[in-house]
Amino acid sequence: QVQLVESGGGSVQAGGSLRLSCVGFGSIYCMAWFRQVPGKGREGVAVIRSSGNTNVAMYADSVRGRFTAFKEHASNTLYLQLSGLQPEDSGKYYCAGRPFRAWDPLCALGVSFDYWGQGTQVTVSS
């Protein structure tokens, strides 16, 4: 059973940075970060497809150039580096994962994920 645990959230001022971590992935192929604010749906911000030591990351337009997702293979830890944070980046951030599916080799964010962490809160003040 896959259990994902996030850490690294906190409160920062606009322009600041945070690094989120998520452990428990093992050799999961599709890994992603989502965020959610109260009253809104969950938004996918980054997805990584991982095969061997190769990772390919894709980002939502709203975070591209500011957020970086990567996996450290030695520890099987997924990270999300958040830079240039703005108040609209505030929310609860979740990591998620699912196995490889032949019909979804690119790990589309719109496809349901099987495993979820409990979330970690990010608050950005102006």
C-alpha atoms as a PDB file:
ATOM      1  CA  GLN A   1       0.000   0.000   0.000  1.00  0.00           C
ATOM      2  CA  VAL A   2       1.287   3.434  -0.949  1.00  0.00           C
ATOM      3  CA  GLN A   3       1.186   6.073   1.765  1.00  0.00           C
ATOM      4  CA  LEU A   4       2.236   9.567   0.826  1.00  0.00           C
ATOM      5  CA  VAL A   5       3.272  12.122   3.418  1.00  0.00           C
ATOM      6  CA  GLU A   6       3.899  15.786   2.606  1.00  0.00           C
ATOM      7  CA  SER A   7       5.891  18.288   4.597  1.00  0.00           C
ATOM      8  CA  GLY A   8       7.435  21.705   4.156  1.00  0.00           C
ATOM      9  CA  GLY A   9       4.450  24.032   4.073  1.00  0.00           C
ATOM     10  CA  GLY A  10       4.404  27.283   5.961  1.00  0.00           C
ATOM     11  CA  SER A  11       3.794  31.013   5.823  1.00  0.00           C
ATOM     12  CA  VAL A  12       5.897  33.360   3.720  1.00  0.00           C
ATOM     13  CA  GLN A  13       5.658  36.842   2.336  1.00  0.00           C
ATOM     14  CA  ALA A  14       5.077  37.525  -1.323  1.00  0.00           C
ATOM     15  CA  GLY A  15       8.208  36.891  -3.327  1.00  0.00           C
ATOM     16  CA  GLY A  16       9.413  34.238  -0.909  1.00  0.00           C
ATOM     17  CA  SER A  17      10.176  30.572  -1.442  1.00  0.00           C
ATOM     18  CA  LEU A  18       9.296  27.230   0.066  1.00  0.00           C
ATOM     19  CA  ARG A  19      10.191  23.629  -0.673  1.00  0.00           C
ATOM     20  CA  LEU A  20       7.588  20.945  -0.231  1.00  0.00           C
ATOM     21  CA  SER A  21       8.490  17.288   0.147  1.00  0.00           C
ATOM     22  CA  CYS A  22       6.516  14.111  -0.297  1.00  0.00           C
ATOM     23  CA  VAL A  23       7.753  10.662   0.684  1.00  0.00           C
ATOM     24  CA  GLY A  24       6.308   7.241   0.017  1.00  0.00           C
ATOM     25  CA  PHE A  25       6.318   7.015  -3.778  1.00  0.00           C
ATOM     26  CA  GLY A  26       8.649   4.115  -4.337  1.00  0.00           C
ATOM     27  CA  SER A  27       8.656   3.416  -8.081  1.00  0.00           C
ATOM     28  CA  ILE A  28       5.328   5.084  -8.884  1.00  0.00           C
ATOM     29  CA  TYR A  29       5.324   6.273 -12.512  1.00  0.00           C
ATOM     30  CA  CYS A  30       3.074   9.347 -12.367  1.00  0.00           C
ATOM     31  CA  MET A  31       3.567  11.802  -9.524  1.00  0.00           C
ATOM     32  CA  ALA A  32       1.916  15.142  -9.175  1.00  0.00           C
ATOM     33  CA  TRP A  33       1.350  18.164  -7.013  1.00  0.00           C
ATOM     34  CA  PHE A  34      -2.095  19.682  -6.618  1.00  0.00           C
ATOM     35  CA  ARG A  35      -3.344  22.608  -4.595  1.00  0.00           C
ATOM     36  CA  GLN A  36      -6.724  23.558  -3.290  1.00  0.00           C
ATOM     37  CA  VAL A  37      -8.236  26.615  -1.669  1.00  0.00           C
ATOM     38  CA  PRO A  38     -11.528  26.552   0.215  1.00  0.00           C
ATOM     39  CA  GLY A  39     -14.473  26.911  -2.134  1.00  0.00           C
ATOM     40  CA  LYS A  40     -12.490  25.997  -5.234  1.00  0.00           C
ATOM     41  CA  GLY A  41     -11.656  22.805  -6.999  1.00  0.00           C
ATOM     42  CA  ARG A  42      -8.322  21.094  -6.778  1.00  0.00           C
ATOM     43  CA  GLU A  43      -5.793  22.474  -9.267  1.00  0.00           C
ATOM     44  CA  GLY A  44      -2.988  20.414 -10.680  1.00  0.00           C
ATOM     45  CA  VAL A  45       0.228  22.439 -10.660  1.00  0.00           C
ATOM     46  CA  ALA A  46       2.894  19.943 -11.716  1.00  0.00           C
ATOM     47  CA  VAL A  47       3.218  16.361 -12.826  1.00  0.00           C
ATOM     48  CA  ILE A  48       6.291  14.183 -13.201  1.00  0.00           C
ATOM     49  CA  ARG A  49       6.532  10.918 -15.058  1.00  0.00           C
ATOM     50  CA  SER A  50       9.369   8.831 -13.755  1.00  0.00           C
ATOM     51  CA  SER A  51      11.055   5.895 -15.445  1.00  0.00           C
ATOM     52  CA  GLY A  52      14.314   4.643 -14.017  1.00  0.00           C
ATOM     53  CA  ASN A  53      16.407   7.702 -13.269  1.00  0.00           C
ATOM     54  CA  THR A  54      14.651   9.821 -15.869  1.00  0.00           C
ATOM     55  CA  ASN A  55      12.031  12.351 -14.831  1.00  0.00           C
ATOM     56  CA  VAL A  56      10.011  14.602 -17.089  1.00  0.00           C
ATOM     57  CA  ALA A  57       8.035  17.390 -15.466  1.00  0.00           C
ATOM     58  CA  MET A  58       5.167  19.450 -16.818  1.00  0.00           C
ATOM     59  CA  TYR A  59       3.580  22.480 -15.206  1.00  0.00           C
ATOM     60  CA  ALA A  60       0.364  24.413 -15.135  1.00  0.00           C
ATOM     61  CA  ASP A  61       0.585  27.787 -16.843  1.00  0.00           C
ATOM     62  CA  SER A  62      -0.033  29.540 -13.535  1.00  0.00           C
ATOM     63  CA  VAL A  63       3.194  28.229 -11.991  1.00  0.00           C
ATOM     64  CA  ARG A  64       5.511  27.574 -14.931  1.00  0.00           C
ATOM     65  CA  GLY A  65       8.817  29.354 -14.433  1.00  0.00           C
ATOM     66  CA  ARG A  66       8.259  29.743 -10.688  1.00  0.00           C
ATOM     67  CA  PHE A  67       7.747  26.199  -9.430  1.00  0.00           C
ATOM     68  CA  THR A  68      10.047  23.241  -9.999  1.00  0.00           C
ATOM     69  CA  ALA A  69       9.056  19.633  -9.365  1.00  0.00           C
ATOM     70  CA  PHE A  70      11.678  16.936  -9.123  1.00  0.00           C
ATOM     71  CA  LYS A  71      12.242  13.527  -7.623  1.00  0.00           C
ATOM     72  CA  GLU A  72      15.302  12.529  -5.675  1.00  0.00           C
ATOM     73  CA  HIS A  73      15.707   8.881  -6.603  1.00  0.00           C
ATOM     74  CA  ALA A  74      18.029   7.907  -3.776  1.00  0.00           C
ATOM     75  CA  SER A  75      15.363   8.726  -1.216  1.00  0.00           C
ATOM     76  CA  ASN A  76      12.267   8.320  -3.440  1.00  0.00           C
ATOM     77  CA  THR A  77      11.241  11.793  -2.356  1.00  0.00           C
ATOM     78  CA  LEU A  78       9.217  14.111  -4.562  1.00  0.00           C
ATOM     79  CA  TYR A  79       9.857  17.816  -4.143  1.00  0.00           C
ATOM     80  CA  LEU A  80       8.134  20.978  -5.219  1.00  0.00           C
ATOM     81  CA  GLN A  81      10.287  24.093  -5.084  1.00  0.00           C
ATOM     82  CA  LEU A  82       8.068  27.159  -4.928  1.00  0.00           C
ATOM     83  CA  SER A  83       9.664  30.485  -5.792  1.00  0.00           C
ATOM     84  CA  GLY A  84       8.310  33.943  -6.449  1.00  0.00           C
ATOM     85  CA  LEU A  85       5.297  33.101  -4.330  1.00  0.00           C
ATOM     86  CA  GLN A  86       2.222  35.274  -4.575  1.00  0.00           C
ATOM     87  CA  PRO A  87      -0.896  35.417  -2.367  1.00  0.00           C
ATOM     88  CA  GLU A  88      -2.856  33.534  -5.022  1.00  0.00           C
ATOM     89  CA  ASP A  89      -0.496  30.589  -4.528  1.00  0.00           C
ATOM     90  CA  SER A  90      -1.891  30.087  -1.036  1.00  0.00           C
ATOM     91  CA  GLY A  91      -3.691  26.827  -0.463  1.00  0.00           C
ATOM     92  CA  LYS A  92      -3.299  23.280   0.707  1.00  0.00           C
ATOM     93  CA  TYR A  93      -0.819  21.394  -1.421  1.00  0.00           C
ATOM     94  CA  TYR A  94      -1.167  17.674  -2.014  1.00  0.00           C
ATOM     95  CA  CYS A  95       1.090  15.142  -3.627  1.00  0.00           C
ATOM     96  CA  ALA A  96      -0.508  12.348  -5.607  1.00  0.00           C
ATOM     97  CA  GLY A  97       0.546   9.291  -7.552  1.00  0.00           C
ATOM     98  CA  ARG A  98      -0.661   6.539  -9.816  1.00  0.00           C
ATOM     99  CA  PRO A  99       0.932   3.607 -11.643  1.00  0.00           C
ATOM    100  CA  PHE A 100       1.786   3.572 -15.337  1.00  0.00           C
ATOM    101  CA  ARG A 101      -1.182   3.141 -17.615  1.00  0.00           C
ATOM    102  CA  ALA A 102      -0.529   2.336 -21.270  1.00  0.00           C
ATOM    103  CA  TRP A 103      -3.305   4.667 -22.446  1.00  0.00           C
ATOM    104  CA  ASP A 104      -1.896   7.598 -20.460  1.00  0.00           C
ATOM    105  CA  PRO A 105       1.883   7.511 -20.934  1.00  0.00           C
ATOM    106  CA  LEU A 106       2.241  11.277 -20.454  1.00  0.00           C
ATOM    107  CA  CYS A 107       0.572  11.318 -17.020  1.00  0.00           C
ATOM    108  CA  ALA A 108      -2.162  13.779 -17.768  1.00  0.00           C
ATOM    109  CA  LEU A 109      -3.232  15.821 -14.758  1.00  0.00           C
ATOM    110  CA  GLY A 110      -6.863  15.343 -15.682  1.00  0.00           C
ATOM    111  CA  VAL A 111      -6.740  11.594 -15.115  1.00  0.00           C
ATOM    112  CA  SER A 112      -7.594  10.436 -11.619  1.00  0.00           C
ATOM    113  CA  PHE A 113      -4.797   9.651  -9.188  1.00  0.00           C
ATOM    114  CA  ASP A 114      -4.868   6.591  -6.968  1.00  0.00           C
ATOM    115  CA  TYR A 115      -2.793   7.786  -4.035  1.00  0.00           C
ATOM    116  CA  TRP A 116      -2.938  11.056  -2.112  1.00  0.00           C
ATOM    117  CA  GLY A 117      -1.111  12.633   0.761  1.00  0.00           C
ATOM    118  CA  GLN A 118      -2.815  14.496   3.570  1.00  0.00           C
ATOM    119  CA  GLY A 119      -1.758  17.924   2.332  1.00  0.00           C
ATOM    120  CA  THR A 120       0.432  20.695   3.631  1.00  0.00           C
ATOM    121  CA  GLN A 121      -0.666  24.324   3.959  1.00  0.00           C
ATOM    122  CA  VAL A 122       1.052  27.164   2.127  1.00  0.00           C
ATOM    123  CA  THR A 123       0.090  30.721   3.063  1.00  0.00           C
ATOM    124  CA  VAL A 124       1.509  33.702   1.210  1.00  0.00           C
ATOM    125  CA  SER A 125       0.913  37.180   2.577  1.00  0.00           C
ATOM    126  CA  SER A 126       1.145  40.369   0.567  1.00  0.00           C
END
